[in-house]
Amino acid sequence: MSQSEQFGEAWAHVRDHERPVRPDDVWFLREARADMPPSKAHLKRLAKPRPEIVRAKVLPEPDRSRRREINQAAAHGSAIAALLGYRKPIVR
């Protein structure tokens, strides 16, 4: 008997009751599924070697020196503005 045929009996038991499926029914189906041995096809899929995934080329690290200069210039500019007492106007 195949795995789907074994599970079919448990599903038919739940399906044939004239009521909505309850959480207990879901638990029953999970237990019925867990008790079954894996199929030959599933064991074959597990035994199949999977290819190792590697990047074709390593992406270079982005150059952050220009962004660092901009941030330092902004910091110096705001420090100089604070020393001079300059306040930014409120823009609405």
PDB file of N, CA and C in Angstrom:
ATOM      1  N   MET A   1       0.848  -1.170   0.000  1.00  0.00           N
ATOM      2  CA  MET A   1       0.000   0.000   0.000  1.00  0.00           C
ATOM      3  C   MET A   1       0.897   1.238   0.000  1.00  0.00           C
ATOM      4  N   SER A   2       0.589   2.177  -0.856  1.00  0.00           N
ATOM      5  CA  SER A   2       1.411   3.378  -0.958  1.00  0.00           C
ATOM      6  C   SER A   2       1.114   4.336   0.191  1.00  0.00           C
ATOM      7  N   GLN A   3       1.974   5.322   0.286  1.00  0.00           N
ATOM      8  CA  GLN A   3       1.824   6.300   1.369  1.00  0.00           C
ATOM      9  C   GLN A   3       0.530   7.088   1.207  1.00  0.00           C
ATOM     10  N   SER A   4       0.207   7.478  -0.017  1.00  0.00           N
ATOM     11  CA  SER A   4      -1.016   8.253  -0.223  1.00  0.00           C
ATOM     12  C   SER A   4      -2.261   7.421   0.061  1.00  0.00           C
ATOM     13  N   GLU A   5      -2.211   6.133  -0.207  1.00  0.00           N
ATOM     14  CA  GLU A   5      -3.360   5.285   0.101  1.00  0.00           C
ATOM     15  C   GLU A   5      -3.553   5.151   1.604  1.00  0.00           C
ATOM     16  N   GLN A   6      -2.462   5.048   2.360  1.00  0.00           N
ATOM     17  CA  GLN A   6      -2.561   4.950   3.815  1.00  0.00           C
ATOM     18  C   GLN A   6      -3.128   6.246   4.397  1.00  0.00           C
ATOM     19  N   PHE A   7      -2.672   7.371   3.911  1.00  0.00           N
ATOM     20  CA  PHE A   7      -3.161   8.645   4.411  1.00  0.00           C
ATOM     21  C   PHE A   7      -4.589   8.892   3.937  1.00  0.00           C
ATOM     22  N   GLY A   8      -4.942   8.322   2.804  1.00  0.00           N
ATOM     23  CA  GLY A   8      -6.298   8.474   2.277  1.00  0.00           C
ATOM     24  C   GLY A   8      -7.350   7.934   3.216  1.00  0.00           C
ATOM     25  N   GLU A   9      -7.039   6.841   3.927  1.00  0.00           N
ATOM     26  CA  GLU A   9      -7.992   6.287   4.881  1.00  0.00           C
ATOM     27  C   GLU A   9      -8.253   7.268   6.027  1.00  0.00           C
ATOM     28  N   ALA A  10      -7.183   7.878   6.529  1.00  0.00           N
ATOM     29  CA  ALA A  10      -7.355   8.844   7.626  1.00  0.00           C
ATOM     30  C   ALA A  10      -8.142  10.058   7.150  1.00  0.00           C
ATOM     31  N   TRP A  11      -7.849  10.534   5.934  1.00  0.00           N
ATOM     32  CA  TRP A  11      -8.564  11.698   5.409  1.00  0.00           C
ATOM     33  C   TRP A  11     -10.020  11.363   5.151  1.00  0.00           C
ATOM     34  N   ALA A  12     -10.295  10.163   4.654  1.00  0.00           N
ATOM     35  CA  ALA A  12     -11.683   9.759   4.408  1.00  0.00           C
ATOM     36  C   ALA A  12     -12.463   9.704   5.717  1.00  0.00           C
ATOM     37  N   HIS A  13     -11.803   9.282   6.793  1.00  0.00           N
ATOM     38  CA  HIS A  13     -12.464   9.245   8.102  1.00  0.00           C
ATOM     39  C   HIS A  13     -12.897  10.646   8.531  1.00  0.00           C
ATOM     40  N   VAL A  14     -12.043  11.636   8.326  1.00  0.00           N
ATOM     41  CA  VAL A  14     -12.373  13.015   8.695  1.00  0.00           C
ATOM     42  C   VAL A  14     -13.372  13.606   7.711  1.00  0.00           C
ATOM     43  N   ARG A  15     -13.192  13.340   6.420  1.00  0.00           N
ATOM     44  CA  ARG A  15     -14.028  13.934   5.382  1.00  0.00           C
ATOM     45  C   ARG A  15     -15.470  13.457   5.453  1.00  0.00           C
ATOM     46  N   ASP A  16     -15.676  12.195   5.820  1.00  0.00           N
ATOM     47  CA  ASP A  16     -17.021  11.619   5.764  1.00  0.00           C
ATOM     48  C   ASP A  16     -17.922  12.041   6.913  1.00  0.00           C
ATOM     49  N   HIS A  17     -17.383  12.678   7.933  1.00  0.00           N
ATOM     50  CA  HIS A  17     -18.230  13.196   9.009  1.00  0.00           C
ATOM     51  C   HIS A  17     -18.930  14.447   8.508  1.00  0.00           C
ATOM     52  N   GLU A  18     -20.188  14.573   8.834  1.00  0.00           N
ATOM     53  CA  GLU A  18     -20.960  15.716   8.354  1.00  0.00           C
ATOM     54  C   GLU A  18     -20.851  16.874   9.346  1.00  0.00           C
ATOM     55  N   ARG A  19     -19.655  17.440   9.437  1.00  0.00           N
ATOM     56  CA  ARG A  19     -19.409  18.593  10.308  1.00  0.00           C
ATOM     57  C   ARG A  19     -18.157  19.292   9.790  1.00  0.00           C
ATOM     58  N   PRO A  20     -17.960  20.530  10.189  1.00  0.00           N
ATOM     59  CA  PRO A  20     -16.732  21.225   9.766  1.00  0.00           C
ATOM     60  C   PRO A  20     -15.503  20.568  10.400  1.00  0.00           C
ATOM     61  N   VAL A  21     -14.374  20.753   9.772  1.00  0.00           N
ATOM     62  CA  VAL A  21     -13.121  20.204  10.291  1.00  0.00           C
ATOM     63  C   VAL A  21     -12.724  20.987  11.529  1.00  0.00           C
ATOM     64  N   ARG A  22     -12.389  20.259  12.593  1.00  0.00           N
ATOM     65  CA  ARG A  22     -12.014  20.876  13.862  1.00  0.00           C
ATOM     66  C   ARG A  22     -10.499  20.765  14.061  1.00  0.00           C
ATOM     67  N   PRO A  23      -9.936  21.495  15.021  1.00  0.00           N
ATOM     68  CA  PRO A  23      -8.502  21.356  15.300  1.00  0.00           C
ATOM     69  C   PRO A  23      -8.106  19.932  15.689  1.00  0.00           C
ATOM     70  N   ASP A  24      -9.006  19.206  16.336  1.00  0.00           N
ATOM     71  CA  ASP A  24      -8.707  17.816  16.681  1.00  0.00           C
ATOM     72  C   ASP A  24      -8.521  16.960  15.434  1.00  0.00           C
ATOM     73  N   ASP A  25      -9.297  17.270  14.390  1.00  0.00           N
ATOM     74  CA  ASP A  25      -9.159  16.528  13.143  1.00  0.00           C
ATOM     75  C   ASP A  25      -7.808  16.807  12.490  1.00  0.00           C
ATOM     76  N   VAL A  26      -7.382  18.041  12.551  1.00  0.00           N
ATOM     77  CA  VAL A  26      -6.080  18.398  11.989  1.00  0.00           C
ATOM     78  C   VAL A  26      -4.980  17.674  12.746  1.00  0.00           C
ATOM     79  N   TRP A  27      -5.099  17.632  14.077  1.00  0.00           N
ATOM     80  CA  TRP A  27      -4.115  16.918  14.892  1.00  0.00           C
ATOM     81  C   TRP A  27      -4.111  15.437  14.528  1.00  0.00           C
ATOM     82  N   PHE A  28      -5.294  14.850  14.341  1.00  0.00           N
ATOM     83  CA  PHE A  28      -5.404  13.438  13.971  1.00  0.00           C
ATOM     84  C   PHE A  28      -4.711  13.168  12.635  1.00  0.00           C
ATOM     85  N   LEU A  29      -4.924  14.048  11.662  1.00  0.00           N
ATOM     86  CA  LEU A  29      -4.300  13.862  10.347  1.00  0.00           C
ATOM     87  C   LEU A  29      -2.783  14.011  10.436  1.00  0.00           C
ATOM     88  N   ARG A  30      -2.307  14.951  11.248  1.00  0.00           N
ATOM     89  CA  ARG A  30      -0.858  15.111  11.411  1.00  0.00           C
ATOM     90  C   ARG A  30      -0.238  13.870  12.050  1.00  0.00           C
ATOM     91  N   GLU A  31      -0.915  13.327  13.049  1.00  0.00           N
ATOM     92  CA  GLU A  31      -0.406  12.120  13.701  1.00  0.00           C
ATOM     93  C   GLU A  31      -0.422  10.942  12.741  1.00  0.00           C
ATOM     94  N   ALA A  32      -1.479  10.825  11.949  1.00  0.00           N
ATOM     95  CA  ALA A  32      -1.552   9.729  10.981  1.00  0.00           C
ATOM     96  C   ALA A  32      -0.433   9.859   9.951  1.00  0.00           C
ATOM     97  N   ARG A  33      -0.133  11.072   9.565  1.00  0.00           N
ATOM     98  CA  ARG A  33       0.926  11.304   8.577  1.00  0.00           C
ATOM     99  C   ARG A  33       2.301  11.022   9.180  1.00  0.00           C
ATOM    100  N   ALA A  34       2.497  11.372  10.448  1.00  0.00           N
ATOM    101  CA  ALA A  34       3.798  11.179  11.094  1.00  0.00           C
ATOM    102  C   ALA A  34       4.102   9.706  11.318  1.00  0.00           C
ATOM    103  N   ASP A  35       3.060   8.881  11.490  1.00  0.00           N
ATOM    104  CA  ASP A  35       3.274   7.458  11.743  1.00  0.00           C
ATOM    105  C   ASP A  35       3.628   6.667  10.491  1.00  0.00           C
ATOM    106  N   MET A  36       3.445   7.251   9.327  1.00  0.00           N
ATOM    107  CA  MET A  36       3.708   6.532   8.087  1.00  0.00           C
ATOM    108  C   MET A  36       5.187   6.583   7.728  1.00  0.00           C
ATOM    109  N   PRO A  37       5.713   5.499   7.193  1.00  0.00           N
ATOM    110  CA  PRO A  37       7.102   5.526   6.740  1.00  0.00           C
ATOM    111  C   PRO A  37       7.225   6.373   5.474  1.00  0.00           C
ATOM    112  N   PRO A  38       8.389   6.969   5.230  1.00  0.00           N
ATOM    113  CA  PRO A  38       8.544   7.761   4.006  1.00  0.00           C
ATOM    114  C   PRO A  38       8.493   6.872   2.769  1.00  0.00           C
ATOM    115  N   SER A  39       8.038   7.445   1.687  1.00  0.00           N
ATOM    116  CA  SER A  39       7.936   6.686   0.447  1.00  0.00           C
ATOM    117  C   SER A  39       9.307   6.496  -0.187  1.00  0.00           C
ATOM    118  N   LYS A  40       9.381   5.575  -1.143  1.00  0.00           N
ATOM    119  CA  LYS A  40      10.643   5.341  -1.851  1.00  0.00           C
ATOM    120  C   LYS A  40      11.071   6.584  -2.617  1.00  0.00           C
ATOM    121  N   ALA A  41      10.099   7.287  -3.192  1.00  0.00           N
ATOM    122  CA  ALA A  41      10.418   8.495  -3.958  1.00  0.00           C
ATOM    123  C   ALA A  41      11.007   9.571  -3.041  1.00  0.00           C
ATOM    124  N   HIS A  42      10.482   9.678  -1.830  1.00  0.00           N
ATOM    125  CA  HIS A  42      10.996  10.687  -0.901  1.00  0.00           C
ATOM    126  C   HIS A  42      12.422  10.348  -0.469  1.00  0.00           C
ATOM    127  N   LEU A  43      12.669   9.070  -0.194  1.00  0.00           N
ATOM    128  CA  LEU A  43      14.022   8.648   0.163  1.00  0.00           C
ATOM    129  C   LEU A  43      14.994   8.888  -0.988  1.00  0.00           C
ATOM    130  N   LYS A  44      14.535   8.674  -2.204  1.00  0.00           N
ATOM    131  CA  LYS A  44      15.378   8.909  -3.375  1.00  0.00           C
ATOM    132  C   LYS A  44      15.711  10.392  -3.509  1.00  0.00           C
ATOM    133  N   ARG A  45      14.729  11.268  -3.248  1.00  0.00           N
ATOM    134  CA  ARG A  45      14.982  12.714  -3.316  1.00  0.00           C
ATOM    135  C   ARG A  45      15.966  13.145  -2.252  1.00  0.00           C
ATOM    136  N   LEU A  46      15.869  12.550  -1.056  1.00  0.00           N
ATOM    137  CA  LEU A  46      16.796  12.906   0.016  1.00  0.00           C
ATOM    138  C   LEU A  46      18.223  12.451  -0.288  1.00  0.00           C
ATOM    139  N   ALA A  47      18.361  11.331  -0.973  1.00  0.00           N
ATOM    140  CA  ALA A  47      19.686  10.799  -1.280  1.00  0.00           C
ATOM    141  C   ALA A  47      20.355  11.525  -2.443  1.00  0.00           C
ATOM    142  N   LYS A  48      19.588  12.263  -3.202  1.00  0.00           N
ATOM    143  CA  LYS A  48      20.128  12.954  -4.378  1.00  0.00           C
ATOM    144  C   LYS A  48      21.051  14.089  -3.940  1.00  0.00           C
ATOM    145  N   PRO A  49      22.281  14.118  -4.454  1.00  0.00           N
ATOM    146  CA  PRO A  49      23.190  15.205  -4.056  1.00  0.00           C
ATOM    147  C   PRO A  49      22.723  16.541  -4.632  1.00  0.00           C
ATOM    148  N   ARG A  50      22.814  17.563  -3.829  1.00  0.00           N
ATOM    149  CA  ARG A  50      22.402  18.890  -4.277  1.00  0.00           C
ATOM    150  C   ARG A  50      23.638  19.689  -4.654  1.00  0.00           C
ATOM    151  N   PRO A  51      23.542  20.468  -5.717  1.00  0.00           N
ATOM    152  CA  PRO A  51      24.713  21.250  -6.126  1.00  0.00           C
ATOM    153  C   PRO A  51      25.018  22.362  -5.121  1.00  0.00           C
ATOM    154  N   GLU A  52      26.295  22.629  -4.956  1.00  0.00           N
ATOM    155  CA  GLU A  52      26.706  23.711  -4.071  1.00  0.00           C
ATOM    156  C   GLU A  52      26.550  25.027  -4.811  1.00  0.00           C
ATOM    157  N   ILE A  53      25.906  25.977  -4.196  1.00  0.00           N
ATOM    158  CA  ILE A  53      25.633  27.253  -4.846  1.00  0.00           C
ATOM    159  C   ILE A  53      26.734  28.238  -4.459  1.00  0.00           C
ATOM    160  N   VAL A  54      27.429  28.743  -5.468  1.00  0.00           N
ATOM    161  CA  VAL A  54      28.473  29.751  -5.247  1.00  0.00           C
ATOM    162  C   VAL A  54      28.231  30.899  -6.216  1.00  0.00           C
ATOM    163  N   ARG A  55      28.669  32.076  -5.847  1.00  0.00           N
ATOM    164  CA  ARG A  55      28.526  33.222  -6.734  1.00  0.00           C
ATOM    165  C   ARG A  55      29.502  33.112  -7.892  1.00  0.00           C
ATOM    166  N   ALA A  56      29.071  33.547  -9.048  1.00  0.00           N
ATOM    167  CA  ALA A  56      29.928  33.499 -10.221  1.00  0.00           C
ATOM    168  C   ALA A  56      31.123  34.425 -10.052  1.00  0.00           C
ATOM    169  N   LYS A  57      30.885  35.613  -9.536  1.00  0.00           N
ATOM    170  CA  LYS A  57      31.987  36.537  -9.262  1.00  0.00           C
ATOM    171  C   LYS A  57      31.701  37.272  -7.960  1.00  0.00           C
ATOM    172  N   VAL A  58      32.738  37.562  -7.250  1.00  0.00           N
ATOM    173  CA  VAL A  58      32.593  38.251  -5.975  1.00  0.00           C
ATOM    174  C   VAL A  58      32.387  39.728  -6.259  1.00  0.00           C
ATOM    175  N   LEU A  59      31.364  40.278  -5.659  1.00  0.00           N
ATOM    176  CA  LEU A  59      31.078  41.697  -5.850  1.00  0.00           C
ATOM    177  C   LEU A  59      32.066  42.518  -5.031  1.00  0.00           C
ATOM    178  N   PRO A  60      32.647  43.566  -5.625  1.00  0.00           N
ATOM    179  CA  PRO A  60      33.607  44.368  -4.861  1.00  0.00           C
ATOM    180  C   PRO A  60      32.898  45.193  -3.784  1.00  0.00           C
ATOM    181  N   GLU A  61      33.637  45.461  -2.761  1.00  0.00           N
ATOM    182  CA  GLU A  61      33.115  46.303  -1.679  1.00  0.00           C
ATOM    183  C   GLU A  61      32.986  47.736  -2.207  1.00  0.00           C
ATOM    184  N   PRO A  62      31.867  48.415  -1.990  1.00  0.00           N
ATOM    185  CA  PRO A  62      31.716  49.769  -2.521  1.00  0.00           C
ATOM    186  C   PRO A  62      32.702  50.732  -1.864  1.00  0.00           C
ATOM    187  N   ASP A  63      33.129  51.735  -2.637  1.00  0.00           N
ATOM    188  CA  ASP A  63      34.068  52.731  -2.140  1.00  0.00           C
ATOM    189  C   ASP A  63      33.287  53.799  -1.375  1.00  0.00           C
ATOM    190  N   ARG A  64      33.570  53.887  -0.097  1.00  0.00           N
ATOM    191  CA  ARG A  64      32.826  54.812   0.754  1.00  0.00           C
ATOM    192  C   ARG A  64      33.638  56.061   1.107  1.00  0.00           C
ATOM    193  N   SER A  65      34.776  56.253   0.472  1.00  0.00           N
ATOM    194  CA  SER A  65      35.633  57.390   0.834  1.00  0.00           C
ATOM    195  C   SER A  65      34.961  58.724   0.485  1.00  0.00           C
ATOM    196  N   ARG A  66      34.300  58.806  -0.661  1.00  0.00           N
ATOM    197  CA  ARG A  66      33.646  60.058  -1.054  1.00  0.00           C
ATOM    198  C   ARG A  66      32.511  60.409  -0.096  1.00  0.00           C
ATOM    199  N   ARG A  67      31.721  59.417   0.303  1.00  0.00           N
ATOM    200  CA  ARG A  67      30.624  59.656   1.240  1.00  0.00           C
ATOM    201  C   ARG A  67      31.183  60.117   2.587  1.00  0.00           C
ATOM    202  N   ARG A  68      32.328  59.560   3.014  1.00  0.00           N
ATOM    203  CA  ARG A  68      32.966  59.954   4.269  1.00  0.00           C
ATOM    204  C   ARG A  68      33.397  61.419   4.196  1.00  0.00           C
ATOM    205  N   GLU A  69      33.981  61.846   3.063  1.00  0.00           N
ATOM    206  CA  GLU A  69      34.396  63.251   2.898  1.00  0.00           C
ATOM    207  C   GLU A  69      33.197  64.193   2.974  1.00  0.00           C
ATOM    208  N   ILE A  70      32.099  63.807   2.351  1.00  0.00           N
ATOM    209  CA  ILE A  70      30.892  64.636   2.371  1.00  0.00           C
ATOM    210  C   ILE A  70      30.361  64.774   3.788  1.00  0.00           C
ATOM    211  N   ASN A  71      30.344  63.665   4.520  1.00  0.00           N
ATOM    212  CA  ASN A  71      29.851  63.709   5.897  1.00  0.00           C
ATOM    213  C   ASN A  71      30.757  64.559   6.791  1.00  0.00           C
ATOM    214  N   GLN A  72      32.085  64.444   6.590  1.00  0.00           N
ATOM    215  CA  GLN A  72      33.014  65.248   7.382  1.00  0.00           C
ATOM    216  C   GLN A  72      32.861  66.728   7.065  1.00  0.00           C
ATOM    217  N   ALA A  73      32.679  67.061   5.779  1.00  0.00           N
ATOM    218  CA  ALA A  73      32.492  68.455   5.395  1.00  0.00           C
ATOM    219  C   ALA A  73      31.209  69.018   6.000  1.00  0.00           C
ATOM    220  N   ALA A  74      30.159  68.217   6.009  1.00  0.00           N
ATOM    221  CA  ALA A  74      28.899  68.676   6.611  1.00  0.00           C
ATOM    222  C   ALA A  74      29.069  68.891   8.102  1.00  0.00           C
ATOM    223  N   ALA A  75      29.812  68.009   8.766  1.00  0.00           N
ATOM    224  CA  ALA A  75      30.037  68.154  10.201  1.00  0.00           C
ATOM    225  C   ALA A  75      30.857  69.407  10.495  1.00  0.00           C
ATOM    226  N   HIS A  76      31.906  69.645   9.698  1.00  0.00           N
ATOM    227  CA  HIS A  76      32.710  70.856   9.884  1.00  0.00           C
ATOM    228  C   HIS A  76      31.884  72.110   9.617  1.00  0.00           C
ATOM    229  N   GLY A  77      31.075  72.062   8.559  1.00  0.00           N
ATOM    230  CA  GLY A  77      30.241  73.220   8.227  1.00  0.00           C
ATOM    231  C   GLY A  77      29.261  73.549   9.332  1.00  0.00           C
ATOM    232  N   SER A  78      28.634  72.521   9.916  1.00  0.00           N
ATOM    233  CA  SER A  78      27.675  72.801  10.993  1.00  0.00           C
ATOM    234  C   SER A  78      28.399  73.274  12.256  1.00  0.00           C
ATOM    235  N   ALA A  79      29.629  72.804  12.493  1.00  0.00           N
ATOM    236  CA  ALA A  79      30.396  73.284  13.657  1.00  0.00           C
ATOM    237  C   ALA A  79      30.777  74.744  13.471  1.00  0.00           C
ATOM    238  N   ILE A  80      31.197  75.119  12.249  1.00  0.00           N
ATOM    239  CA  ILE A  80      31.549  76.519  11.970  1.00  0.00           C
ATOM    240  C   ILE A  80      30.315  77.404  12.082  1.00  0.00           C
ATOM    241  N   ALA A  81      29.165  76.920  11.568  1.00  0.00           N
ATOM    242  CA  ALA A  81      27.928  77.705  11.657  1.00  0.00           C
ATOM    243  C   ALA A  81      27.526  77.904  13.109  1.00  0.00           C
ATOM    244  N   ALA A  82      27.745  76.892  13.944  1.00  0.00           N
ATOM    245  CA  ALA A  82      27.411  77.026  15.361  1.00  0.00           C
ATOM    246  C   ALA A  82      28.323  78.037  16.036  1.00  0.00           C
ATOM    247  N   LEU A  83      29.618  78.066  15.669  1.00  0.00           N
ATOM    248  CA  LEU A  83      30.544  79.050  16.244  1.00  0.00           C
ATOM    249  C   LEU A  83      30.180  80.465  15.838  1.00  0.00           C
ATOM    250  N   LEU A  84      29.706  80.643  14.614  1.00  0.00           N
ATOM    251  CA  LEU A  84      29.335  81.969  14.135  1.00  0.00           C
ATOM    252  C   LEU A  84      27.950  82.390  14.608  1.00  0.00           C
ATOM    253  N   GLY A  85      27.212  81.468  15.194  1.00  0.00           N
ATOM    254  CA  GLY A  85      25.872  81.814  15.672  1.00  0.00           C
ATOM    255  C   GLY A  85      24.833  81.797  14.573  1.00  0.00           C
ATOM    256  N   TYR A  86      25.126  81.158  13.486  1.00  0.00           N
ATOM    257  CA  TYR A  86      24.194  81.097  12.376  1.00  0.00           C
ATOM    258  C   TYR A  86      23.101  80.073  12.674  1.00  0.00           C
ATOM    259  N   ARG A  87      21.858  80.459  12.440  1.00  0.00           N
ATOM    260  CA  ARG A  87      20.749  79.554  12.610  1.00  0.00           C
ATOM    261  C   ARG A  87      20.083  79.341  11.258  1.00  0.00           C
ATOM    262  N   LYS A  88      19.657  78.134  11.041  1.00  0.00           N
ATOM    263  CA  LYS A  88      18.954  77.857   9.787  1.00  0.00           C
ATOM    264  C   LYS A  88      17.572  78.507   9.856  1.00  0.00           C
ATOM    265  N   PRO A  89      17.164  79.137   8.769  1.00  0.00           N
ATOM    266  CA  PRO A  89      15.815  79.712   8.765  1.00  0.00           C
ATOM    267  C   PRO A  89      14.786  78.576   8.693  1.00  0.00           C
ATOM    268  N   ILE A  90      13.616  78.833   9.260  1.00  0.00           N
ATOM    269  CA  ILE A  90      12.540  77.855   9.225  1.00  0.00           C
ATOM    270  C   ILE A  90      11.912  77.907   7.841  1.00  0.00           C
ATOM    271  N   VAL A  91      11.921  76.798   7.175  1.00  0.00           N
ATOM    272  CA  VAL A  91      11.364  76.704   5.832  1.00  0.00           C
ATOM    273  C   VAL A  91      10.040  75.963   5.921  1.00  0.00           C
ATOM    274  N   ARG A  92       9.006  76.618   5.384  1.00  0.00           N
ATOM    275  CA  ARG A  92       7.692  75.972   5.418  1.00  0.00           C
ATOM    276  C   ARG A  92       7.170  75.783   4.053  1.00  0.00           C
TER     277      ARG A  92
END
